[in-house]
Amino acid sequence: MNPSYKPDGDIVWLKAPRHRPLVSSPVLHDLEAMLPDHIKFLAMNALVGIAAGCTVASLMIWADAGGLGTLIFETGSPAIAVGLLFGGFSVTFGSLAVGSAIMLLHPKD
C-alpha cells in the first residue's frame, strides 16, 4: 500500500490495484487459491528482494568492484565463489525486502 499525505500531515493509505497474473496456469491458479494472502505478500516481497540482490551481485562482478570479478574468475572454482556471493546477497536483500514490507504495513483499526 502506498501512503498519500493530506495537507494537515495525516497519512491516507491507498490500496494497491489488483493485477492479472503474469502466467495463466491451472496449477498456479490452484496454488494461488490455496495460499493465504499474507504468505503471497511475503513471497512476492522476498522474490523482489532476491532479484535485487542477484542484480547487485551481478553488477559488482561485471564492474569488477574492488577487483572482485578478477578475484573470482582467477580462482580454481569460480562457481563456488559466485554461488556464495549470490546466496549471501539473495538472503540479505530478500530479508531486507520482507522486513521492510512488514514494517510498512498499515495497522488494522
Protein backbone atom coordinates (compact mmCIF):
# COMPACT_ATOMS: atom_id res chain seq x y z
CA MET A 1 0.00 0.00 0.00
CA ASN A 2 1.19 3.44 -0.80
CA PRO A 3 0.86 6.33 1.61
CA SER A 4 -0.63 9.60 0.46
CA TYR A 5 -0.22 12.72 2.59
CA LYS A 6 -3.02 15.15 3.40
CA PRO A 7 -2.18 18.86 3.76
CA ASP A 8 -2.63 18.59 7.54
CA GLY A 9 0.07 15.89 7.76
CA ASP A 10 -2.12 12.78 8.22
CA ILE A 11 -1.32 9.72 6.15
CA VAL A 12 -4.06 8.19 3.99
CA TRP A 13 -3.37 4.61 2.96
CA LEU A 14 -4.31 3.64 -0.56
CA LYS A 15 -4.93 0.04 -1.61
CA ALA A 16 -2.77 -1.33 -4.40
CA PRO A 17 -4.70 -2.28 -7.54
CA ARG A 18 -5.17 -5.98 -8.26
CA HIS A 19 -3.36 -7.14 -11.37
CA ARG A 20 -3.83 -10.16 -13.58
CA PRO A 21 -1.25 -12.93 -13.09
CA LEU A 22 1.69 -12.96 -15.50
CA VAL A 23 1.30 -16.67 -16.20
CA SER A 24 -2.07 -18.31 -16.68
CA SER A 25 -1.81 -21.90 -15.48
CA PRO A 26 -4.30 -24.13 -13.69
CA VAL A 27 -1.55 -25.33 -11.33
CA LEU A 28 -0.53 -21.77 -10.40
CA HIS A 29 -4.16 -20.74 -10.07
CA ASP A 30 -4.81 -23.61 -7.66
CA LEU A 31 -1.66 -22.77 -5.71
CA GLU A 32 -2.66 -19.11 -5.52
CA ALA A 33 -6.12 -20.06 -4.32
CA MET A 34 -4.64 -22.32 -1.59
CA LEU A 35 -2.15 -19.80 -0.19
CA PRO A 36 -3.29 -17.21 2.32
CA ASP A 37 -2.82 -13.55 1.42
CA HIS A 38 -0.05 -12.97 3.95
CA ILE A 39 2.06 -15.82 2.51
CA LYS A 40 1.62 -14.44 -1.02
CA PHE A 41 2.60 -11.00 0.29
CA LEU A 42 5.78 -12.32 1.92
CA ALA A 43 6.71 -14.49 -1.07
CA MET A 44 6.32 -11.64 -3.56
CA ASN A 45 8.43 -9.30 -1.46
CA ALA A 46 11.07 -12.00 -0.95
CA LEU A 47 11.26 -12.61 -4.71
CA VAL A 48 11.70 -8.89 -5.38
CA GLY A 49 14.48 -8.73 -2.79
CA ILE A 50 16.21 -11.82 -4.19
CA ALA A 51 16.07 -10.36 -7.69
CA ALA A 52 17.56 -7.09 -6.40
CA GLY A 53 20.32 -8.99 -4.59
CA CYS A 54 21.23 -11.01 -7.68
CA THR A 55 21.24 -7.82 -9.76
CA VAL A 56 23.59 -6.04 -7.34
CA ALA A 57 25.91 -9.06 -7.14
CA SER A 58 25.98 -9.32 -10.95
CA LEU A 59 26.78 -5.63 -11.29
CA MET A 60 29.58 -5.91 -8.74
CA ILE A 61 31.16 -8.78 -10.67
CA TRP A 62 30.63 -7.07 -14.02
CA ALA A 63 32.04 -3.73 -12.86
CA ASP A 64 34.92 -5.53 -11.13
CA ALA A 65 34.28 -3.53 -7.95
CA GLY A 66 37.40 -3.76 -5.81
CA GLY A 67 38.81 -6.40 -8.13
CA LEU A 68 36.01 -8.80 -7.15
CA GLY A 69 35.36 -10.11 -10.66
CA THR A 70 39.03 -10.69 -11.31
CA LEU A 71 39.48 -12.41 -7.97
CA ILE A 72 36.50 -14.71 -8.56
CA PHE A 73 37.45 -15.78 -12.07
CA GLU A 74 41.13 -16.33 -11.27
CA THR A 75 40.29 -18.92 -8.62
CA GLY A 76 40.22 -22.63 -9.33
CA SER A 77 36.46 -22.90 -8.82
CA PRO A 78 34.63 -19.67 -9.65
CA ALA A 79 31.21 -21.38 -9.47
CA ILE A 80 31.53 -21.81 -5.71
CA ALA A 81 32.54 -18.18 -5.19
CA VAL A 82 29.73 -16.89 -7.43
CA GLY A 83 27.23 -19.18 -5.71
CA LEU A 84 28.25 -17.97 -2.26
CA LEU A 85 28.16 -14.33 -3.37
CA PHE A 86 24.72 -14.68 -4.95
CA GLY A 87 23.43 -16.68 -1.98
CA GLY A 88 24.60 -14.09 0.52
CA PHE A 89 23.19 -11.19 -1.46
CA SER A 90 19.90 -13.04 -2.06
CA VAL A 91 19.40 -13.77 1.64
CA THR A 92 20.37 -10.24 2.66
CA PHE A 93 18.25 -8.38 0.11
CA GLY A 94 15.32 -10.84 0.40
CA SER A 95 15.24 -10.40 4.17
CA LEU A 96 15.51 -6.64 3.80
CA ALA A 97 12.57 -6.55 1.39
CA VAL A 98 10.38 -8.77 3.56
CA GLY A 99 11.26 -6.93 6.76
CA SER A 100 10.63 -3.50 5.29
CA ALA A 101 7.34 -4.66 3.75
CA ILE A 102 6.16 -5.97 7.12
CA MET A 103 7.18 -2.80 8.95
CA LEU A 104 5.41 -0.60 6.39
CA LEU A 105 2.10 -2.45 6.70
CA HIS A 106 -0.84 -0.31 7.70
CA PRO A 107 -2.08 -1.28 11.15
CA LYS A 108 -5.65 -2.51 11.25
CA ASP A 109 -8.02 -0.19 13.05
